[in-house]
Amino acid sequence: MTAPISRYVTVLDREIHYVEWGEPSRPKLVMWHGLARTGRDFDDLAASLARDWNIVAPDTIGRGLSQWSPKPEVEYSNDFYAALATAFVDTLGWRTFDWVGTSMGGAIAIRAAAGPLAGRIRRLVLNDMGPEISSAAVQRIRAYAGTPPRFDRVSDLEAYFRQIYVPFGHLTDAQWRRMAETSARRLPDGGITTHYDPNMVMQFVHHASDYDQWDQWRRLSCDMLCLRGENSDLLLADAAARMPRENPRCRVVEISGCGHAPALNTPGQTGLVEDFLKG
């Protein structure tokens, strides 16, 4: 499988969209995206790893092409995401696998690896995520994610992304354009907005302690690599330094020139991920 394939699967009575890369006979790798993003954020990383892994990059419920939740106050939570992830890999028939999680995708992995997926995640890459996040960053994310913008043109959405996601680091013009095109949703009035359910920010209202996961963190038994953006306002330096002390299976590497979160789109970043996963 040299090109990605778009697929759909129904788990826990919810339709989940995902993109699959690589031959099914290869070792298994899950790539899970951040809060207001989609699985297509991993296109560059997946393309570079597909020769050695069978990769799936799902859209979380309420994002991208996956179904929006009819019970947002309950299902937009790390517990439900972890249950959904477990049902997802079970439906695929995957027993053990590696995981790369950006932001929320890393938080889901922490919750799942300490619970329903205990012992099944072999290696875990946390992209600018840990068992504690900054409250100031949460407020920043809620401010833009909870009130998605409306534009007349896709090019305007691209300009918006170039502004709010500048901490990702260097993206080429083609990568910014792909982000806009894979993150756009047409409104009934013909306008353009972001491709997610605004109700997903209910997580921070109904599950306010969802990202306080030190108890889960101490229970993790897999090898872990945390990539922290040098200027991250979400995973603060003190919390990142604490992570290996609380669980020595974790190694933290700081990525210069970016904040929250590294885009995993440069040879230096993809090389760190590949070297770690190959052990």
C-alpha atoms as a PDB file:
ATOM      1  CA  MET A   1       0.000   0.000   0.000  1.00  0.00           C
ATOM      2  CA  THR A   2       2.038   2.932  -1.292  1.00  0.00           C
ATOM      3  CA  ALA A   3      -0.712   5.562  -1.023  1.00  0.00           C
ATOM      4  CA  PRO A   4      -3.087   6.276   1.865  1.00  0.00           C
ATOM      5  CA  ILE A   5      -6.569   4.761   1.785  1.00  0.00           C
ATOM      6  CA  SER A   6      -9.606   6.455   3.342  1.00  0.00           C
ATOM      7  CA  ARG A   7     -11.729   4.075   5.413  1.00  0.00           C
ATOM      8  CA  TYR A   8     -14.711   4.092   7.778  1.00  0.00           C
ATOM      9  CA  VAL A   9     -15.597   1.807  10.680  1.00  0.00           C
ATOM     10  CA  THR A  10     -18.434   1.841  13.218  1.00  0.00           C
ATOM     11  CA  VAL A  11     -17.375   1.367  16.845  1.00  0.00           C
ATOM     12  CA  LEU A  12     -19.476   1.971  19.968  1.00  0.00           C
ATOM     13  CA  ASP A  13     -22.290   2.883  17.551  1.00  0.00           C
ATOM     14  CA  ARG A  14     -20.261   5.803  16.177  1.00  0.00           C
ATOM     15  CA  GLU A  15     -18.821   6.021  12.662  1.00  0.00           C
ATOM     16  CA  ILE A  16     -15.111   6.771  12.704  1.00  0.00           C
ATOM     17  CA  HIS A  17     -13.136   7.844   9.656  1.00  0.00           C
ATOM     18  CA  TYR A  18      -9.476   6.965   9.372  1.00  0.00           C
ATOM     19  CA  VAL A  19      -6.669   6.956   6.837  1.00  0.00           C
ATOM     20  CA  GLU A  20      -4.519   3.838   6.481  1.00  0.00           C
ATOM     21  CA  TRP A  21      -0.931   3.734   5.244  1.00  0.00           C
ATOM     22  CA  GLY A  22       1.429   0.829   4.613  1.00  0.00           C
ATOM     23  CA  GLU A  23       0.997  -2.890   4.115  1.00  0.00           C
ATOM     24  CA  PRO A  24      -1.166  -4.807   6.628  1.00  0.00           C
ATOM     25  CA  SER A  25       1.642  -7.304   7.217  1.00  0.00           C
ATOM     26  CA  ARG A  26       3.884  -4.654   8.778  1.00  0.00           C
ATOM     27  CA  PRO A  27       4.108  -3.681  12.465  1.00  0.00           C
ATOM     28  CA  LYS A  28       1.142  -1.644  13.648  1.00  0.00           C
ATOM     29  CA  LEU A  29       1.196   2.083  14.439  1.00  0.00           C
ATOM     30  CA  VAL A  30      -1.637   4.367  15.585  1.00  0.00           C
ATOM     31  CA  MET A  31      -1.336   8.123  14.999  1.00  0.00           C
ATOM     32  CA  TRP A  32      -3.851  10.219  16.951  1.00  0.00           C
ATOM     33  CA  HIS A  33      -4.281  13.960  16.405  1.00  0.00           C
ATOM     34  CA  GLY A  34      -4.874  16.982  18.652  1.00  0.00           C
ATOM     35  CA  LEU A  35      -8.018  18.582  20.017  1.00  0.00           C
ATOM     36  CA  ALA A  36      -9.266  20.620  17.053  1.00  0.00           C
ATOM     37  CA  ARG A  37      -7.384  18.787  14.319  1.00  0.00           C
ATOM     38  CA  THR A  38      -7.783  15.664  12.148  1.00  0.00           C
ATOM     39  CA  GLY A  39      -5.804  12.561  11.299  1.00  0.00           C
ATOM     40  CA  ARG A  40      -4.573  14.223   8.105  1.00  0.00           C
ATOM     41  CA  ASP A  41      -2.099  16.200  10.215  1.00  0.00           C
ATOM     42  CA  PHE A  42       0.085  13.086  10.098  1.00  0.00           C
ATOM     43  CA  ASP A  43       0.345  12.866   6.301  1.00  0.00           C
ATOM     44  CA  ASP A  44       4.032  13.793   6.229  1.00  0.00           C
ATOM     45  CA  LEU A  45       5.055  11.577   9.144  1.00  0.00           C
ATOM     46  CA  ALA A  46       2.982   8.650   7.891  1.00  0.00           C
ATOM     47  CA  ALA A  47       4.415   8.932   4.388  1.00  0.00           C
ATOM     48  CA  SER A  48       7.934   8.729   5.792  1.00  0.00           C
ATOM     49  CA  LEU A  49       7.165   5.691   7.991  1.00  0.00           C
ATOM     50  CA  ALA A  50       4.793   3.717   5.765  1.00  0.00           C
ATOM     51  CA  ARG A  51       7.576   1.607   4.286  1.00  0.00           C
ATOM     52  CA  ASP A  52       8.070  -0.034   7.692  1.00  0.00           C
ATOM     53  CA  TRP A  53       4.700   0.234   9.447  1.00  0.00           C
ATOM     54  CA  ASN A  54       0.999  -0.347   8.873  1.00  0.00           C
ATOM     55  CA  ILE A  55      -0.387   3.007  10.056  1.00  0.00           C
ATOM     56  CA  VAL A  56      -3.875   4.199  10.907  1.00  0.00           C
ATOM     57  CA  ALA A  57      -4.660   7.863  11.589  1.00  0.00           C
ATOM     58  CA  PRO A  58      -8.273   8.255  12.774  1.00  0.00           C
ATOM     59  CA  ASP A  59     -10.394  11.365  13.087  1.00  0.00           C
ATOM     60  CA  THR A  60     -11.646  11.531  16.668  1.00  0.00           C
ATOM     61  CA  ILE A  61     -15.406  11.572  17.098  1.00  0.00           C
ATOM     62  CA  GLY A  62     -16.589  15.123  16.380  1.00  0.00           C
ATOM     63  CA  ARG A  63     -13.637  15.911  14.115  1.00  0.00           C
ATOM     64  CA  GLY A  64     -12.969  15.640  10.422  1.00  0.00           C
ATOM     65  CA  LEU A  65     -15.119  13.057   8.677  1.00  0.00           C
ATOM     66  CA  SER A  66     -16.030  11.125  11.833  1.00  0.00           C
ATOM     67  CA  GLN A  67     -19.524  11.302  13.274  1.00  0.00           C
ATOM     68  CA  TRP A  68     -20.388  14.097  15.689  1.00  0.00           C
ATOM     69  CA  SER A  69     -21.498  12.915  19.118  1.00  0.00           C
ATOM     70  CA  PRO A  70     -25.216  13.031  19.988  1.00  0.00           C
ATOM     71  CA  LYS A  71     -24.125  13.088  23.655  1.00  0.00           C
ATOM     72  CA  PRO A  72     -21.356  15.712  23.652  1.00  0.00           C
ATOM     73  CA  GLU A  73     -21.336  16.318  27.401  1.00  0.00           C
ATOM     74  CA  VAL A  74     -20.540  12.624  27.963  1.00  0.00           C
ATOM     75  CA  GLU A  75     -18.642  11.452  24.900  1.00  0.00           C
ATOM     76  CA  TYR A  76     -16.251  14.357  24.459  1.00  0.00           C
ATOM     77  CA  SER A  77     -14.055  13.106  27.287  1.00  0.00           C
ATOM     78  CA  ASN A  78     -10.819  11.167  27.669  1.00  0.00           C
ATOM     79  CA  ASP A  79     -12.614   8.152  29.138  1.00  0.00           C
ATOM     80  CA  PHE A  80     -14.878   7.848  26.117  1.00  0.00           C
ATOM     81  CA  TYR A  81     -12.052   8.573  23.705  1.00  0.00           C
ATOM     82  CA  ALA A  82     -10.018   5.785  25.348  1.00  0.00           C
ATOM     83  CA  ALA A  83     -12.970   3.398  25.086  1.00  0.00           C
ATOM     84  CA  LEU A  84     -13.438   4.419  21.452  1.00  0.00           C
ATOM     85  CA  ALA A  85      -9.751   3.870  20.713  1.00  0.00           C
ATOM     86  CA  THR A  86      -9.895   0.430  22.328  1.00  0.00           C
ATOM     87  CA  ALA A  87     -12.947  -0.573  20.299  1.00  0.00           C
ATOM     88  CA  PHE A  88     -11.267   0.829  17.188  1.00  0.00           C
ATOM     89  CA  VAL A  89      -8.081  -1.252  17.434  1.00  0.00           C
ATOM     90  CA  ASP A  90     -10.099  -4.292  18.500  1.00  0.00           C
ATOM     91  CA  THR A  91     -12.253  -3.964  15.393  1.00  0.00           C
ATOM     92  CA  LEU A  92      -9.091  -3.775  13.291  1.00  0.00           C
ATOM     93  CA  GLY A  93      -7.861  -6.936  15.006  1.00  0.00           C
ATOM     94  CA  TRP A  94      -4.748  -5.231  16.367  1.00  0.00           C
ATOM     95  CA  ARG A  95      -3.465  -6.777  19.581  1.00  0.00           C
ATOM     96  CA  THR A  96      -0.263  -4.787  20.117  1.00  0.00           C
ATOM     97  CA  PHE A  97       0.913  -1.612  18.428  1.00  0.00           C
ATOM     98  CA  ASP A  98       2.889   1.594  18.805  1.00  0.00           C
ATOM     99  CA  TRP A  99       1.249   5.012  19.187  1.00  0.00           C
ATOM    100  CA  VAL A 100       2.125   8.565  18.189  1.00  0.00           C
ATOM    101  CA  GLY A 101      -0.168  11.105  19.829  1.00  0.00           C
ATOM    102  CA  THR A 102      -0.140  14.855  19.304  1.00  0.00           C
ATOM    103  CA  SER A 103      -1.599  16.890  22.169  1.00  0.00           C
ATOM    104  CA  MET A 104      -5.033  15.352  22.901  1.00  0.00           C
ATOM    105  CA  GLY A 105      -3.977  12.222  21.013  1.00  0.00           C
ATOM    106  CA  GLY A 106      -1.217  11.763  23.583  1.00  0.00           C
ATOM    107  CA  ALA A 107      -3.604  12.352  26.478  1.00  0.00           C
ATOM    108  CA  ILE A 108      -5.918   9.671  25.092  1.00  0.00           C
ATOM    109  CA  ALA A 109      -2.970   7.277  24.937  1.00  0.00           C
ATOM    110  CA  ILE A 110      -2.059   7.951  28.573  1.00  0.00           C
ATOM    111  CA  ARG A 111      -5.655   7.273  29.664  1.00  0.00           C
ATOM    112  CA  ALA A 112      -5.960   4.152  27.512  1.00  0.00           C
ATOM    113  CA  ALA A 113      -2.516   2.703  28.318  1.00  0.00           C
ATOM    114  CA  ALA A 114      -3.276   2.972  32.031  1.00  0.00           C
ATOM    115  CA  GLY A 115      -6.692   1.392  31.512  1.00  0.00           C
ATOM    116  CA  PRO A 116      -8.318  -0.602  28.697  1.00  0.00           C
ATOM    117  CA  LEU A 117      -5.160  -0.785  26.562  1.00  0.00           C
ATOM    118  CA  ALA A 118      -2.763  -1.640  29.413  1.00  0.00           C
ATOM    119  CA  GLY A 119       0.092  -3.770  28.082  1.00  0.00           C
ATOM    120  CA  ARG A 120      -0.931  -3.355  24.438  1.00  0.00           C
ATOM    121  CA  ILE A 121       0.892  -0.128  23.532  1.00  0.00           C
ATOM    122  CA  ARG A 122       4.550  -1.059  23.096  1.00  0.00           C
ATOM    123  CA  ARG A 123       6.098   2.348  22.403  1.00  0.00           C
ATOM    124  CA  LEU A 124       4.448   5.701  22.889  1.00  0.00           C
ATOM    125  CA  VAL A 125       5.428   9.052  21.363  1.00  0.00           C
ATOM    126  CA  LEU A 126       3.827  12.017  23.116  1.00  0.00           C
ATOM    127  CA  ASN A 127       3.982  15.106  20.925  1.00  0.00           C
ATOM    128  CA  ASP A 128       3.879  18.068  23.316  1.00  0.00           C
ATOM    129  CA  MET A 129       1.624  16.345  25.821  1.00  0.00           C
ATOM    130  CA  GLY A 130       2.099  15.066  29.338  1.00  0.00           C
ATOM    131  CA  PRO A 131       0.092  14.184  32.430  1.00  0.00           C
ATOM    132  CA  GLU A 132      -0.329  17.875  33.273  1.00  0.00           C
ATOM    133  CA  ILE A 133      -1.082  20.846  31.042  1.00  0.00           C
ATOM    134  CA  SER A 134      -1.138  24.593  31.540  1.00  0.00           C
ATOM    135  CA  SER A 135      -4.490  26.136  32.466  1.00  0.00           C
ATOM    136  CA  ALA A 136      -3.584  29.253  30.487  1.00  0.00           C
ATOM    137  CA  ALA A 137      -3.144  27.159  27.333  1.00  0.00           C
ATOM    138  CA  VAL A 138      -6.499  25.482  27.947  1.00  0.00           C
ATOM    139  CA  GLN A 139      -8.163  28.895  28.061  1.00  0.00           C
ATOM    140  CA  ARG A 140      -6.387  29.922  24.853  1.00  0.00           C
ATOM    141  CA  ILE A 141      -7.512  26.783  23.042  1.00  0.00           C
ATOM    142  CA  ARG A 142     -11.088  27.083  24.328  1.00  0.00           C
ATOM    143  CA  ALA A 143     -11.229  30.666  23.092  1.00  0.00           C
ATOM    144  CA  TYR A 144     -10.583  29.771  19.450  1.00  0.00           C
ATOM    145  CA  ALA A 145     -11.897  26.199  19.323  1.00  0.00           C
ATOM    146  CA  GLY A 146     -15.199  26.898  21.048  1.00  0.00           C
ATOM    147  CA  THR A 147     -16.150  29.694  18.655  1.00  0.00           C
ATOM    148  CA  PRO A 148     -15.052  28.528  15.211  1.00  0.00           C
ATOM    149  CA  PRO A 149     -14.704  31.284  12.619  1.00  0.00           C
ATOM    150  CA  ARG A 150     -16.667  31.755   9.425  1.00  0.00           C
ATOM    151  CA  PHE A 151     -15.012  32.748   6.190  1.00  0.00           C
ATOM    152  CA  ASP A 152     -16.164  33.196   2.614  1.00  0.00           C
ATOM    153  CA  ARG A 153     -13.086  31.556   1.099  1.00  0.00           C
ATOM    154  CA  VAL A 154     -10.836  28.592   1.831  1.00  0.00           C
ATOM    155  CA  SER A 155      -7.870  30.922   1.360  1.00  0.00           C
ATOM    156  CA  ASP A 156      -9.169  32.976   4.293  1.00  0.00           C
ATOM    157  CA  LEU A 157      -9.280  29.829   6.435  1.00  0.00           C
ATOM    158  CA  GLU A 158      -5.693  29.122   5.425  1.00  0.00           C
ATOM    159  CA  ALA A 159      -4.644  32.604   6.529  1.00  0.00           C
ATOM    160  CA  TYR A 160      -6.409  32.011   9.849  1.00  0.00           C
ATOM    161  CA  PHE A 161      -4.554  28.722  10.373  1.00  0.00           C
ATOM    162  CA  ARG A 162      -1.258  30.405   9.557  1.00  0.00           C
ATOM    163  CA  GLN A 163      -1.982  32.777  12.423  1.00  0.00           C
ATOM    164  CA  ILE A 164      -3.298  30.487  15.182  1.00  0.00           C
ATOM    165  CA  TYR A 165      -0.963  27.579  14.392  1.00  0.00           C
ATOM    166  CA  VAL A 166       2.247  29.544  14.017  1.00  0.00           C
ATOM    167  CA  PRO A 167       3.647  27.657  17.095  1.00  0.00           C
ATOM    168  CA  PHE A 168       3.676  24.457  14.962  1.00  0.00           C
ATOM    169  CA  GLY A 169       6.943  25.671  13.475  1.00  0.00           C
ATOM    170  CA  HIS A 170       7.881  25.715   9.801  1.00  0.00           C
ATOM    171  CA  LEU A 171       5.275  24.541   7.317  1.00  0.00           C
ATOM    172  CA  THR A 172       5.632  24.943   3.580  1.00  0.00           C
ATOM    173  CA  ASP A 173       3.021  26.750   1.525  1.00  0.00           C
ATOM    174  CA  ALA A 174       1.811  23.360   0.274  1.00  0.00           C
ATOM    175  CA  GLN A 175       1.448  22.063   3.838  1.00  0.00           C
ATOM    176  CA  TRP A 176      -0.560  25.113   4.929  1.00  0.00           C
ATOM    177  CA  ARG A 177      -2.805  24.675   1.898  1.00  0.00           C
ATOM    178  CA  ARG A 178      -3.330  20.982   2.675  1.00  0.00           C
ATOM    179  CA  MET A 179      -4.166  21.815   6.294  1.00  0.00           C
ATOM    180  CA  ALA A 180      -6.832  24.261   5.118  1.00  0.00           C
ATOM    181  CA  GLU A 181      -8.300  21.908   2.540  1.00  0.00           C
ATOM    182  CA  THR A 182      -8.464  18.955   4.941  1.00  0.00           C
ATOM    183  CA  SER A 183      -9.854  21.089   7.772  1.00  0.00           C
ATOM    184  CA  ALA A 184     -12.603  22.983   5.935  1.00  0.00           C
ATOM    185  CA  ARG A 185     -16.341  22.474   6.354  1.00  0.00           C
ATOM    186  CA  ARG A 186     -18.934  24.220   4.163  1.00  0.00           C
ATOM    187  CA  LEU A 187     -21.767  25.888   6.084  1.00  0.00           C
ATOM    188  CA  PRO A 188     -25.419  25.964   4.947  1.00  0.00           C
ATOM    189  CA  ASP A 189     -25.008  29.601   3.898  1.00  0.00           C
ATOM    190  CA  GLY A 190     -22.031  28.707   1.722  1.00  0.00           C
ATOM    191  CA  GLY A 191     -19.386  29.934   4.119  1.00  0.00           C
ATOM    192  CA  ILE A 192     -16.322  28.032   5.294  1.00  0.00           C
ATOM    193  CA  THR A 193     -15.492  27.006   8.846  1.00  0.00           C
ATOM    194  CA  THR A 194     -13.309  24.490  10.664  1.00  0.00           C
ATOM    195  CA  HIS A 195     -14.086  20.783  10.363  1.00  0.00           C
ATOM    196  CA  TYR A 196     -15.063  19.907  13.937  1.00  0.00           C
ATOM    197  CA  ASP A 197     -17.978  20.030  16.345  1.00  0.00           C
ATOM    198  CA  PRO A 198     -17.657  23.157  18.541  1.00  0.00           C
ATOM    199  CA  ASN A 199     -19.273  21.186  21.362  1.00  0.00           C
ATOM    200  CA  MET A 200     -16.044  19.235  21.794  1.00  0.00           C
ATOM    201  CA  VAL A 201     -14.902  21.996  24.178  1.00  0.00           C
ATOM    202  CA  MET A 202     -17.557  20.678  26.588  1.00  0.00           C
ATOM    203  CA  GLN A 203     -14.752  18.392  27.729  1.00  0.00           C
ATOM    204  CA  PHE A 204     -13.285  21.301  29.676  1.00  0.00           C
ATOM    205  CA  VAL A 205     -16.635  22.026  31.352  1.00  0.00           C
ATOM    206  CA  HIS A 206     -17.976  18.565  32.181  1.00  0.00           C
ATOM    207  CA  HIS A 207     -14.603  16.828  32.597  1.00  0.00           C
ATOM    208  CA  ALA A 208     -12.465  19.597  34.009  1.00  0.00           C
ATOM    209  CA  SER A 209      -9.818  17.260  35.446  1.00  0.00           C
ATOM    210  CA  ASP A 210      -9.445  15.175  32.276  1.00  0.00           C
ATOM    211  CA  TYR A 211      -5.864  16.286  31.686  1.00  0.00           C
ATOM    212  CA  ASP A 212      -4.658  15.721  35.253  1.00  0.00           C
ATOM    213  CA  GLN A 213      -3.217  12.246  34.712  1.00  0.00           C
ATOM    214  CA  TRP A 214      -0.266  11.790  37.052  1.00  0.00           C
ATOM    215  CA  ASP A 215      -1.886   8.713  38.629  1.00  0.00           C
ATOM    216  CA  GLN A 216      -2.292   7.129  35.198  1.00  0.00           C
ATOM    217  CA  TRP A 217       1.191   8.234  34.220  1.00  0.00           C
ATOM    218  CA  ARG A 218       2.849   6.306  37.040  1.00  0.00           C
ATOM    219  CA  ARG A 219       1.108   3.098  35.910  1.00  0.00           C
ATOM    220  CA  LEU A 220       2.376   3.155  32.324  1.00  0.00           C
ATOM    221  CA  SER A 221       4.723   0.307  31.459  1.00  0.00           C
ATOM    222  CA  CYS A 222       5.608   1.140  27.842  1.00  0.00           C
ATOM    223  CA  ASP A 223       8.698   2.974  26.619  1.00  0.00           C
ATOM    224  CA  MET A 224       7.888   6.639  26.019  1.00  0.00           C
ATOM    225  CA  LEU A 225       9.369   9.549  24.113  1.00  0.00           C
ATOM    226  CA  CYS A 226       8.014  13.032  24.804  1.00  0.00           C
ATOM    227  CA  LEU A 227       8.732  15.728  22.224  1.00  0.00           C
ATOM    228  CA  ARG A 228       8.258  19.141  23.826  1.00  0.00           C
ATOM    229  CA  GLY A 229       8.112  22.309  21.768  1.00  0.00           C
ATOM    230  CA  GLU A 230      10.748  24.697  23.076  1.00  0.00           C
ATOM    231  CA  ASN A 231       8.181  27.493  23.421  1.00  0.00           C
ATOM    232  CA  SER A 232       5.178  25.359  24.352  1.00  0.00           C
ATOM    233  CA  ASP A 233       2.588  27.103  26.493  1.00  0.00           C
ATOM    234  CA  LEU A 234       0.725  23.824  27.065  1.00  0.00           C
ATOM    235  CA  LEU A 235       3.398  21.400  28.299  1.00  0.00           C
ATOM    236  CA  LEU A 236       5.438  23.632  30.574  1.00  0.00           C
ATOM    237  CA  ALA A 237       9.114  22.963  31.256  1.00  0.00           C
ATOM    238  CA  ASP A 238       8.554  22.045  34.919  1.00  0.00           C
ATOM    239  CA  ALA A 239       5.921  19.447  34.051  1.00  0.00           C
ATOM    240  CA  ALA A 240       8.119  17.994  31.285  1.00  0.00           C
ATOM    241  CA  ALA A 241      11.054  17.719  33.700  1.00  0.00           C
ATOM    242  CA  ARG A 242       8.848  15.920  36.207  1.00  0.00           C
ATOM    243  CA  MET A 243       7.708  13.276  33.719  1.00  0.00           C
ATOM    244  CA  PRO A 244      10.890  11.098  33.776  1.00  0.00           C
ATOM    245  CA  ARG A 245      11.073  11.415  37.562  1.00  0.00           C
ATOM    246  CA  GLU A 246       7.548  10.064  37.960  1.00  0.00           C
ATOM    247  CA  ASN A 247       8.019   7.397  35.284  1.00  0.00           C
ATOM    248  CA  PRO A 248      11.615   6.597  34.265  1.00  0.00           C
ATOM    249  CA  ARG A 249      10.450   4.864  31.091  1.00  0.00           C
ATOM    250  CA  CYS A 250       9.971   8.329  29.579  1.00  0.00           C
ATOM    251  CA  ARG A 251      12.616  10.381  27.788  1.00  0.00           C
ATOM    252  CA  VAL A 252      11.961  14.052  27.001  1.00  0.00           C
ATOM    253  CA  VAL A 253      13.469  15.786  23.962  1.00  0.00           C
ATOM    254  CA  GLU A 254      12.979  19.503  23.362  1.00  0.00           C
ATOM    255  CA  ILE A 255      12.264  20.640  19.806  1.00  0.00           C
ATOM    256  CA  SER A 256      13.687  24.077  19.074  1.00  0.00           C
ATOM    257  CA  GLY A 257      11.934  26.722  17.049  1.00  0.00           C
ATOM    258  CA  CYS A 258       8.342  25.753  17.795  1.00  0.00           C
ATOM    259  CA  GLY A 259       5.702  25.764  20.498  1.00  0.00           C
ATOM    260  CA  HIS A 260       2.555  23.678  20.790  1.00  0.00           C
ATOM    261  CA  ALA A 261       2.898  21.414  18.973  1.00  0.00           C
ATOM    262  CA  PRO A 262       5.740  20.327  16.658  1.00  0.00           C
ATOM    263  CA  ALA A 263       4.271  19.542  13.236  1.00  0.00           C
ATOM    264  CA  LEU A 264       6.321  16.324  12.827  1.00  0.00           C
ATOM    265  CA  ASN A 265       7.007  17.357   9.247  1.00  0.00           C
ATOM    266  CA  THR A 266      10.779  17.874   9.139  1.00  0.00           C
ATOM    267  CA  PRO A 267      13.521  15.247   8.785  1.00  0.00           C
ATOM    268  CA  GLY A 268      14.824  16.079  12.247  1.00  0.00           C
ATOM    269  CA  GLN A 269      11.458  15.518  13.901  1.00  0.00           C
ATOM    270  CA  THR A 270      10.427  12.481  11.868  1.00  0.00           C
ATOM    271  CA  GLY A 271      13.880  11.002  12.435  1.00  0.00           C
ATOM    272  CA  LEU A 272      13.469  11.228  16.212  1.00  0.00           C
ATOM    273  CA  VAL A 273      10.147   9.407  15.979  1.00  0.00           C
ATOM    274  CA  GLU A 274      11.465   6.738  13.618  1.00  0.00           C
ATOM    275  CA  ASP A 275      14.617   6.053  15.647  1.00  0.00           C
ATOM    276  CA  PHE A 276      12.576   5.681  18.839  1.00  0.00           C
ATOM    277  CA  LEU A 277       9.974   3.383  17.292  1.00  0.00           C
ATOM    278  CA  LYS A 278      12.662   1.164  15.791  1.00  0.00           C
ATOM    279  CA  GLY A 279      14.214   0.882  19.234  1.00  0.00           C
END
